[in-house]
Amino acid sequence: MNDREFLTEIESVAGAADGYDEALSRILKHFGADSGTIHLLGEGNLLHLKAASAGIPQFVLDTVKTIPIGKGMAGLAVERKEPVTTCNIQTDTTGDVRSGAKKTGLQGSLVVPILKDGAAVGALGIANREERTFSEAETELLLKTGHVLAKNFSKFSS
């Protein structure tokens, strides 16, 4: 499936009742990623977890249920309005990765802001169990995927 077909597919599922989970599932498949999350800005000006892939430990899900802007990779992506990435969460020394993220066992990770009309309204993150450096093209496509999700934000935000 080419990128245009992929984005059309994401747009078609984004507004459905199970839109968060279905969109995330298709995103992970397209990118060949092992894990992922979708967070949207909500009550308390916090990022609220809307979808998470299988295999994320419950204690990690409890930790990332809400994320302050500026904290962790998702919070930083929203604060900066730009992608945050690391080829290995386990060995990252940038300060962008919180210690709790290391408990996932994941390594290569990319988180992009979900932008709507220039404002960050959420974060979309994908990761792999092995080291991975996401290409510029992959980063751009994940940003475009976030734009598609944001376009459907009003019917996708409850």
N, C-alpha and C. Protein backbone atom coordinates (compact mmCIF):
# COMPACT_ATOMS: atom_id res chain seq x y z
N MET A 1 0.85 -1.18 0.00
CA MET A 1 0.00 0.00 0.00
C MET A 1 0.90 1.24 0.00
N ASN A 2 0.62 2.16 -0.91
CA ASN A 2 1.42 3.38 -0.93
C ASN A 2 0.94 4.35 0.15
N ASP A 3 1.71 5.42 0.34
CA ASP A 3 1.42 6.37 1.42
C ASP A 3 0.06 7.04 1.27
N ARG A 4 -0.32 7.39 0.06
CA ARG A 4 -1.60 8.06 -0.18
C ARG A 4 -2.76 7.12 0.21
N GLU A 5 -2.66 5.87 -0.21
CA GLU A 5 -3.69 4.88 0.14
C GLU A 5 -3.75 4.67 1.65
N PHE A 6 -2.59 4.64 2.28
CA PHE A 6 -2.53 4.49 3.74
C PHE A 6 -3.24 5.64 4.44
N LEU A 7 -2.94 6.87 4.05
CA LEU A 7 -3.56 8.04 4.69
C LEU A 7 -5.07 8.05 4.46
N THR A 8 -5.51 7.64 3.28
CA THR A 8 -6.95 7.55 3.00
C THR A 8 -7.59 6.51 3.91
N GLU A 9 -6.91 5.40 4.10
CA GLU A 9 -7.40 4.35 4.98
C GLU A 9 -7.53 4.86 6.43
N ILE A 10 -6.52 5.58 6.90
CA ILE A 10 -6.57 6.13 8.27
C ILE A 10 -7.73 7.11 8.39
N GLU A 11 -7.92 7.94 7.40
CA GLU A 11 -9.03 8.89 7.43
C GLU A 11 -10.37 8.17 7.49
N SER A 12 -10.48 7.05 6.80
CA SER A 12 -11.76 6.33 6.77
C SER A 12 -12.10 5.68 8.11
N VAL A 13 -11.10 5.34 8.90
CA VAL A 13 -11.38 4.68 10.19
C VAL A 13 -11.36 5.66 11.36
N ALA A 14 -10.81 6.85 11.17
CA ALA A 14 -10.59 7.76 12.29
C ALA A 14 -11.87 8.19 13.00
N GLY A 15 -12.96 8.33 12.29
CA GLY A 15 -14.18 8.81 12.91
C GLY A 15 -15.09 7.71 13.43
N ALA A 16 -14.71 6.46 13.26
CA ALA A 16 -15.56 5.34 13.70
C ALA A 16 -15.54 5.20 15.21
N ALA A 17 -16.49 4.44 15.72
CA ALA A 17 -16.61 4.24 17.16
C ALA A 17 -15.33 3.69 17.77
N ASP A 18 -14.68 2.78 17.07
CA ASP A 18 -13.42 2.22 17.56
C ASP A 18 -12.23 2.86 16.84
N GLY A 19 -12.40 4.10 16.44
CA GLY A 19 -11.43 4.80 15.61
C GLY A 19 -10.03 4.86 16.18
N TYR A 20 -9.89 5.12 17.46
CA TYR A 20 -8.56 5.21 18.07
C TYR A 20 -7.82 3.89 17.90
N ASP A 21 -8.43 2.81 18.34
CA ASP A 21 -7.77 1.51 18.31
C ASP A 21 -7.52 1.04 16.89
N GLU A 22 -8.50 1.21 16.02
CA GLU A 22 -8.36 0.75 14.64
C GLU A 22 -7.29 1.55 13.90
N ALA A 23 -7.31 2.86 14.09
CA ALA A 23 -6.29 3.70 13.44
C ALA A 23 -4.90 3.29 13.93
N LEU A 24 -4.74 3.11 15.23
CA LEU A 24 -3.43 2.74 15.77
C LEU A 24 -2.98 1.39 15.22
N SER A 25 -3.88 0.45 15.17
CA SER A 25 -3.55 -0.87 14.64
C SER A 25 -3.03 -0.78 13.20
N ARG A 26 -3.69 0.01 12.40
CA ARG A 26 -3.29 0.15 10.99
C ARG A 26 -1.98 0.93 10.85
N ILE A 27 -1.78 1.91 11.72
CA ILE A 27 -0.54 2.68 11.72
C ILE A 27 0.64 1.76 12.05
N LEU A 28 0.49 0.96 13.10
CA LEU A 28 1.57 0.05 13.49
C LEU A 28 1.91 -0.93 12.36
N LYS A 29 0.88 -1.46 11.74
CA LYS A 29 1.11 -2.40 10.64
C LYS A 29 1.86 -1.73 9.49
N HIS A 30 1.42 -0.53 9.10
CA HIS A 30 2.04 0.15 7.98
C HIS A 30 3.51 0.48 8.25
N PHE A 31 3.82 0.88 9.47
CA PHE A 31 5.19 1.26 9.81
C PHE A 31 6.04 0.08 10.28
N GLY A 32 5.45 -1.08 10.43
CA GLY A 32 6.20 -2.23 10.91
C GLY A 32 6.67 -2.01 12.34
N ALA A 33 5.83 -1.36 13.14
CA ALA A 33 6.18 -1.06 14.53
C ALA A 33 5.53 -2.08 15.46
N ASP A 34 6.13 -2.27 16.62
CA ASP A 34 5.65 -3.25 17.59
C ASP A 34 4.68 -2.67 18.61
N SER A 35 4.72 -1.38 18.81
CA SER A 35 3.94 -0.77 19.88
C SER A 35 3.59 0.66 19.52
N GLY A 36 2.55 1.19 20.15
CA GLY A 36 2.20 2.58 19.88
C GLY A 36 1.13 3.10 20.81
N THR A 37 0.98 4.41 20.81
CA THR A 37 -0.05 5.08 21.60
C THR A 37 -0.58 6.29 20.85
N ILE A 38 -1.82 6.64 21.19
CA ILE A 38 -2.41 7.90 20.75
C ILE A 38 -2.88 8.61 22.02
N HIS A 39 -2.42 9.83 22.19
CA HIS A 39 -2.85 10.68 23.30
C HIS A 39 -3.49 11.94 22.71
N LEU A 40 -4.55 12.43 23.34
CA LEU A 40 -5.18 13.68 22.93
C LEU A 40 -5.23 14.64 24.11
N LEU A 41 -5.07 15.91 23.80
CA LEU A 41 -5.13 16.95 24.81
C LEU A 41 -6.55 17.04 25.35
N GLY A 42 -6.66 17.09 26.66
CA GLY A 42 -7.99 17.11 27.27
C GLY A 42 -7.99 17.81 28.61
N GLU A 43 -8.89 17.35 29.46
CA GLU A 43 -9.10 17.94 30.78
C GLU A 43 -7.79 18.15 31.52
N GLY A 44 -7.69 19.30 32.17
CA GLY A 44 -6.50 19.63 32.94
C GLY A 44 -5.31 19.99 32.08
N ASN A 45 -5.55 20.24 30.79
CA ASN A 45 -4.48 20.52 29.84
C ASN A 45 -3.42 19.41 29.85
N LEU A 46 -3.91 18.18 30.02
CA LEU A 46 -3.06 16.99 30.02
C LEU A 46 -3.32 16.18 28.76
N LEU A 47 -2.35 15.39 28.38
CA LEU A 47 -2.53 14.43 27.30
C LEU A 47 -3.19 13.19 27.89
N HIS A 48 -4.29 12.77 27.31
CA HIS A 48 -5.05 11.61 27.81
C HIS A 48 -4.89 10.46 26.82
N LEU A 49 -4.56 9.29 27.34
CA LEU A 49 -4.38 8.10 26.52
C LEU A 49 -5.71 7.68 25.91
N LYS A 50 -5.75 7.58 24.59
CA LYS A 50 -6.96 7.17 23.88
C LYS A 50 -6.82 5.79 23.26
N ALA A 51 -5.59 5.39 22.94
CA ALA A 51 -5.36 4.05 22.38
C ALA A 51 -3.94 3.63 22.71
N ALA A 52 -3.80 2.34 22.96
CA ALA A 52 -2.47 1.76 23.20
C ALA A 52 -2.46 0.36 22.61
N SER A 53 -1.35 0.00 22.04
CA SER A 53 -1.23 -1.33 21.45
C SER A 53 -1.12 -2.39 22.53
N ALA A 54 -1.41 -3.61 22.15
CA ALA A 54 -1.27 -4.73 23.07
C ALA A 54 0.20 -4.89 23.45
N GLY A 55 0.41 -5.46 24.61
CA GLY A 55 1.77 -5.77 25.02
C GLY A 55 2.43 -4.71 25.88
N ILE A 56 1.80 -3.58 26.05
CA ILE A 56 2.36 -2.57 26.95
C ILE A 56 1.96 -2.97 28.37
N PRO A 57 2.93 -3.13 29.27
CA PRO A 57 2.60 -3.56 30.64
C PRO A 57 1.61 -2.61 31.31
N GLN A 58 0.72 -3.19 32.13
CA GLN A 58 -0.32 -2.39 32.79
C GLN A 58 0.26 -1.25 33.62
N PHE A 59 1.36 -1.49 34.33
CA PHE A 59 1.94 -0.42 35.16
C PHE A 59 2.43 0.74 34.30
N VAL A 60 2.84 0.44 33.06
CA VAL A 60 3.24 1.51 32.15
C VAL A 60 2.00 2.26 31.66
N LEU A 61 0.95 1.51 31.31
CA LEU A 61 -0.30 2.15 30.88
C LEU A 61 -0.84 3.06 31.97
N ASP A 62 -0.76 2.61 33.22
CA ASP A 62 -1.21 3.44 34.34
C ASP A 62 -0.40 4.73 34.42
N THR A 63 0.88 4.64 34.13
CA THR A 63 1.76 5.81 34.19
C THR A 63 1.47 6.79 33.06
N VAL A 64 1.15 6.27 31.87
CA VAL A 64 0.96 7.15 30.71
C VAL A 64 -0.51 7.46 30.44
N LYS A 65 -1.38 7.12 31.38
CA LYS A 65 -2.81 7.41 31.22
C LYS A 65 -3.02 8.91 30.99
N THR A 66 -2.31 9.71 31.74
CA THR A 66 -2.27 11.16 31.50
C THR A 66 -0.81 11.60 31.55
N ILE A 67 -0.49 12.53 30.68
CA ILE A 67 0.89 13.02 30.58
C ILE A 67 0.86 14.55 30.54
N PRO A 68 1.64 15.19 31.41
CA PRO A 68 1.74 16.65 31.33
C PRO A 68 2.49 17.08 30.07
N ILE A 69 2.11 18.18 29.52
CA ILE A 69 2.83 18.75 28.38
C ILE A 69 4.25 19.05 28.86
N GLY A 70 5.23 18.63 28.05
CA GLY A 70 6.63 18.86 28.38
C GLY A 70 7.30 17.69 29.08
N LYS A 71 6.54 16.64 29.42
CA LYS A 71 7.11 15.49 30.12
C LYS A 71 7.10 14.27 29.21
N GLY A 72 8.19 13.54 29.17
CA GLY A 72 8.27 12.35 28.34
C GLY A 72 8.25 12.71 26.87
N MET A 73 8.39 11.69 26.05
CA MET A 73 8.47 11.94 24.60
C MET A 73 7.18 12.54 24.05
N ALA A 74 6.03 12.04 24.50
CA ALA A 74 4.74 12.57 24.01
C ALA A 74 4.54 14.02 24.44
N GLY A 75 4.81 14.30 25.70
CA GLY A 75 4.66 15.65 26.21
C GLY A 75 5.60 16.64 25.55
N LEU A 76 6.82 16.17 25.25
CA LEU A 76 7.79 17.04 24.57
C LEU A 76 7.39 17.28 23.12
N ALA A 77 6.88 16.25 22.44
CA ALA A 77 6.44 16.43 21.05
C ALA A 77 5.34 17.48 20.96
N VAL A 78 4.42 17.45 21.93
CA VAL A 78 3.33 18.44 21.95
C VAL A 78 3.88 19.82 22.29
N GLU A 79 4.73 19.90 23.30
CA GLU A 79 5.30 21.19 23.70
C GLU A 79 6.11 21.83 22.58
N ARG A 80 6.93 21.02 21.91
CA ARG A 80 7.81 21.53 20.86
C ARG A 80 7.12 21.64 19.50
N LYS A 81 5.98 20.95 19.35
CA LYS A 81 5.28 20.86 18.07
C LYS A 81 6.20 20.29 16.99
N GLU A 82 6.98 19.29 17.40
CA GLU A 82 7.89 18.63 16.47
C GLU A 82 8.16 17.21 16.95
N PRO A 83 8.63 16.35 16.03
CA PRO A 83 8.89 14.96 16.40
C PRO A 83 9.98 14.83 17.46
N VAL A 84 9.84 13.79 18.27
CA VAL A 84 10.85 13.41 19.25
C VAL A 84 11.15 11.94 18.97
N THR A 85 12.42 11.63 18.81
CA THR A 85 12.80 10.27 18.43
C THR A 85 14.06 9.82 19.16
N THR A 86 14.18 8.51 19.29
CA THR A 86 15.41 7.91 19.80
C THR A 86 15.55 6.54 19.16
N CYS A 87 16.77 6.17 18.83
CA CYS A 87 16.99 4.85 18.22
C CYS A 87 16.97 3.75 19.28
N ASN A 88 17.16 4.13 20.57
CA ASN A 88 17.13 3.13 21.64
C ASN A 88 16.73 3.80 22.95
N ILE A 89 15.49 3.57 23.34
CA ILE A 89 14.97 4.13 24.60
C ILE A 89 15.84 3.69 25.78
N GLN A 90 16.34 2.47 25.72
CA GLN A 90 17.08 1.89 26.85
C GLN A 90 18.40 2.59 27.12
N THR A 91 19.02 3.17 26.10
CA THR A 91 20.33 3.80 26.27
C THR A 91 20.30 5.31 26.04
N ASP A 92 19.12 5.88 25.82
CA ASP A 92 19.00 7.31 25.52
C ASP A 92 19.52 8.15 26.68
N THR A 93 20.32 9.16 26.37
CA THR A 93 20.85 10.07 27.39
C THR A 93 20.47 11.52 27.14
N THR A 94 19.51 11.76 26.24
CA THR A 94 19.13 13.13 25.88
C THR A 94 18.30 13.82 26.96
N GLY A 95 17.67 13.03 27.81
CA GLY A 95 16.74 13.58 28.78
C GLY A 95 15.31 13.62 28.27
N ASP A 96 15.10 13.27 27.00
CA ASP A 96 13.77 13.25 26.42
C ASP A 96 12.97 12.03 26.86
N VAL A 97 13.66 10.98 27.26
CA VAL A 97 13.01 9.72 27.63
C VAL A 97 12.96 9.63 29.15
N ARG A 98 11.76 9.41 29.68
CA ARG A 98 11.60 9.25 31.12
C ARG A 98 11.96 7.83 31.54
N SER A 99 12.34 7.67 32.77
CA SER A 99 12.79 6.36 33.25
C SER A 99 11.69 5.30 33.11
N GLY A 100 10.43 5.68 33.24
CA GLY A 100 9.34 4.73 33.09
C GLY A 100 9.26 4.13 31.70
N ALA A 101 9.67 4.90 30.70
CA ALA A 101 9.63 4.39 29.32
C ALA A 101 10.58 3.22 29.15
N LYS A 102 11.64 3.20 29.91
CA LYS A 102 12.61 2.10 29.80
C LYS A 102 11.99 0.78 30.25
N LYS A 103 10.97 0.84 31.08
CA LYS A 103 10.32 -0.36 31.58
C LYS A 103 9.48 -1.06 30.51
N THR A 104 9.27 -0.41 29.38
CA THR A 104 8.50 -1.02 28.30
C THR A 104 9.31 -2.09 27.58
N GLY A 105 10.63 -2.00 27.67
CA GLY A 105 11.50 -2.91 26.93
C GLY A 105 11.67 -2.50 25.48
N LEU A 106 11.06 -1.41 25.08
CA LEU A 106 11.14 -0.94 23.69
C LEU A 106 12.45 -0.19 23.46
N GLN A 107 12.81 -0.06 22.20
CA GLN A 107 14.04 0.65 21.88
C GLN A 107 13.77 1.79 20.90
N GLY A 108 13.71 1.50 19.60
CA GLY A 108 13.52 2.56 18.61
C GLY A 108 12.14 3.18 18.72
N SER A 109 12.07 4.50 18.86
CA SER A 109 10.78 5.16 19.09
C SER A 109 10.71 6.49 18.37
N LEU A 110 9.49 6.80 17.91
CA LEU A 110 9.20 8.08 17.25
C LEU A 110 7.84 8.56 17.74
N VAL A 111 7.80 9.79 18.23
CA VAL A 111 6.55 10.40 18.66
C VAL A 111 6.41 11.73 17.92
N VAL A 112 5.24 11.93 17.33
CA VAL A 112 4.97 13.19 16.61
C VAL A 112 3.77 13.88 17.25
N PRO A 113 3.76 15.21 17.18
CA PRO A 113 2.57 15.91 17.64
C PRO A 113 1.43 15.71 16.65
N ILE A 114 0.22 15.67 17.16
CA ILE A 114 -0.96 15.71 16.31
C ILE A 114 -1.35 17.18 16.27
N LEU A 115 -1.20 17.78 15.10
CA LEU A 115 -1.41 19.22 14.94
C LEU A 115 -2.71 19.50 14.20
N LYS A 116 -3.47 20.47 14.72
CA LYS A 116 -4.70 20.92 14.06
C LYS A 116 -4.66 22.45 14.02
N ASP A 117 -4.68 22.98 12.81
CA ASP A 117 -4.62 24.43 12.61
C ASP A 117 -3.43 25.04 13.35
N GLY A 118 -2.30 24.34 13.33
CA GLY A 118 -1.08 24.84 13.95
C GLY A 118 -0.96 24.61 15.44
N ALA A 119 -2.03 24.13 16.06
CA ALA A 119 -2.01 23.86 17.50
C ALA A 119 -1.82 22.37 17.75
N ALA A 120 -1.03 22.03 18.74
CA ALA A 120 -0.85 20.63 19.11
C ALA A 120 -2.06 20.18 19.93
N VAL A 121 -2.73 19.13 19.44
CA VAL A 121 -3.92 18.61 20.11
C VAL A 121 -3.71 17.18 20.61
N GLY A 122 -2.51 16.65 20.40
CA GLY A 122 -2.23 15.30 20.85
C GLY A 122 -0.87 14.83 20.40
N ALA A 123 -0.62 13.53 20.65
CA ALA A 123 0.65 12.91 20.26
C ALA A 123 0.38 11.50 19.76
N LEU A 124 1.12 11.13 18.74
CA LEU A 124 1.05 9.80 18.15
C LEU A 124 2.45 9.21 18.22
N GLY A 125 2.57 8.06 18.90
CA GLY A 125 3.88 7.45 19.06
C GLY A 125 3.91 6.01 18.59
N ILE A 126 5.04 5.63 17.99
CA ILE A 126 5.26 4.24 17.59
C ILE A 126 6.65 3.83 18.05
N ALA A 127 6.83 2.52 18.27
CA ALA A 127 8.13 2.04 18.75
C ALA A 127 8.34 0.59 18.34
N ASN A 128 9.60 0.20 18.39
CA ASN A 128 10.00 -1.17 18.08
C ASN A 128 10.79 -1.76 19.25
N ARG A 129 10.80 -3.08 19.29
CA ARG A 129 11.53 -3.78 20.35
C ARG A 129 13.04 -3.76 20.11
N GLU A 130 13.46 -3.47 18.89
CA GLU A 130 14.88 -3.40 18.59
C GLU A 130 15.25 -1.96 18.24
N GLU A 131 16.55 -1.70 18.20
CA GLU A 131 17.00 -0.37 17.80
C GLU A 131 16.46 -0.05 16.42
N ARG A 132 16.03 1.18 16.26
CA ARG A 132 15.53 1.61 14.96
C ARG A 132 15.68 3.11 14.85
N THR A 133 16.23 3.53 13.75
CA THR A 133 16.30 4.95 13.44
C THR A 133 15.27 5.19 12.34
N PHE A 134 14.27 5.99 12.63
CA PHE A 134 13.23 6.27 11.65
C PHE A 134 13.76 7.25 10.62
N SER A 135 13.47 6.97 9.37
CA SER A 135 13.94 7.83 8.28
C SER A 135 13.16 9.14 8.26
N GLU A 136 13.70 10.09 7.51
CA GLU A 136 13.01 11.36 7.33
C GLU A 136 11.65 11.14 6.68
N ALA A 137 11.59 10.23 5.70
CA ALA A 137 10.33 9.94 5.01
C ALA A 137 9.32 9.33 5.98
N GLU A 138 9.77 8.42 6.85
CA GLU A 138 8.87 7.82 7.84
C GLU A 138 8.36 8.88 8.82
N THR A 139 9.25 9.76 9.23
CA THR A 139 8.86 10.82 10.16
C THR A 139 7.82 11.72 9.51
N GLU A 140 8.05 12.11 8.27
CA GLU A 140 7.09 12.95 7.55
C GLU A 140 5.74 12.25 7.39
N LEU A 141 5.76 10.96 7.09
CA LEU A 141 4.51 10.23 6.93
C LEU A 141 3.76 10.13 8.26
N LEU A 142 4.48 9.92 9.36
CA LEU A 142 3.80 9.86 10.65
C LEU A 142 3.22 11.23 11.01
N LEU A 143 3.92 12.31 10.67
CA LEU A 143 3.36 13.66 10.87
C LEU A 143 2.09 13.85 10.04
N LYS A 144 2.11 13.40 8.79
CA LYS A 144 0.92 13.50 7.94
C LYS A 144 -0.22 12.67 8.52
N THR A 145 0.12 11.53 9.09
CA THR A 145 -0.89 10.68 9.73
C THR A 145 -1.53 11.43 10.89
N GLY A 146 -0.72 12.13 11.67
CA GLY A 146 -1.24 12.96 12.75
C GLY A 146 -2.18 14.04 12.24
N HIS A 147 -1.84 14.63 11.10
CA HIS A 147 -2.71 15.65 10.49
C HIS A 147 -4.06 15.05 10.10
N VAL A 148 -4.03 13.84 9.56
CA VAL A 148 -5.28 13.16 9.20
C VAL A 148 -6.11 12.91 10.45
N LEU A 149 -5.48 12.46 11.52
CA LEU A 149 -6.21 12.25 12.78
C LEU A 149 -6.79 13.57 13.29
N ALA A 150 -6.00 14.63 13.22
CA ALA A 150 -6.47 15.92 13.70
C ALA A 150 -7.64 16.45 12.90
N LYS A 151 -7.62 16.18 11.61
CA LYS A 151 -8.72 16.61 10.75
C LYS A 151 -10.03 15.98 11.21
N ASN A 152 -9.94 14.82 11.77
CA ASN A 152 -11.11 14.11 12.27
C ASN A 152 -11.29 14.28 13.78
N PHE A 153 -10.55 15.22 14.36
CA PHE A 153 -10.52 15.39 15.82
C PHE A 153 -11.90 15.61 16.42
N SER A 154 -12.74 16.42 15.79
CA SER A 154 -14.06 16.71 16.39
C SER A 154 -14.92 15.47 16.54
N LYS A 155 -14.85 14.55 15.57
CA LYS A 155 -15.64 13.34 15.69
C LYS A 155 -14.84 12.22 16.36
N PHE A 156 -13.60 12.51 16.72
CA PHE A 156 -12.66 11.51 17.20
C PHE A 156 -12.19 11.83 18.61
N SER A 157 -12.79 12.85 19.26
CA SER A 157 -12.19 13.36 20.50
C SER A 157 -12.92 12.99 21.77
N SER A 158 -13.98 12.25 21.71
CA SER A 158 -14.71 11.97 22.95
C SER A 158 -14.09 10.86 23.74
